[in-house]
Amino acid sequence: MRLDELIQKVEAARLKRSEHLIVQIVAVTKYTEDIEPLKRLYNEGQRAFGENRIQVMEKKVDALKDYPIEWHFIGNLQKNKINKLLSLNPFMIQSINSYEIAEAVDKRAKKPVRCLLEINSAGEDSKQGLAVEEAVETYLKIKENLNNINLQGVMTIGAHIDDEKEIRKSFRLTYEIFDKLKPYGAKICSMGMSGDFEIAIQEGSNMIRVGSALLNSYL
């Protein structure tokens, strides 16, 4: 689907939730190493791009350095890759999935870095992220102790299942955590991908990460 078609779908889902909800689209670029589709998306108005591999992200950041793009890192962050990621000056790291990782980023960062706390709201072993019951406490501990982690909210991946009820439940759990964290400055609830972004928006997401559904039209 083209960007304008995606925006129409986002609008329809947003209005089912609230006319005051504003949803940001992060175009996930992991499906291609070619930068031409990214340029085409940029020329249609897309500004936020997400990547889950630091090595690939480095090539894209370099190739598109003349474009004022917001780069979001959305992959699993390993401690030995933190310096490389920080050298790319990402707009946001969406995948802080433990206090230990937050602490490691904090120590290496030379300035505050925008981050989201990743929550494993589906409770699936295959997924990274904090358990639902640990999320609020960990978020507040990071806020209190780590000056270079500028926590802006939460991120989750919906339940990997065909049952819409279970998908909704995982999003709802994440939104409830987000709601509890709003008094502590949480502004972003990043949830919803190509297959479930409309459900996520209906459950309160204000940032979606769409890859294949969007990129395939530009390849």
Foldseek 3Di string as FASTA:
>chain_A
DAPVVVVVLLCVLLVLAPPPFAAAEAEEAQVDLDCQLVVVNVVVPHAHYEYADLVSVVSNCVVVVVHNHQYEHEHDDDLVCLLSNVVSVHQEYEDQAALVSLVSNLVNHPAAHEYAAEDALLPDPVDGHHDLVCPLVSVVVSVPPRHNYNYAYHEYEFDPDPDLVRRLNSLLSRVVSRVVCVVVRHDAYEYEEQPCNSSNSNSPHRYYYYYPNHSVVRD
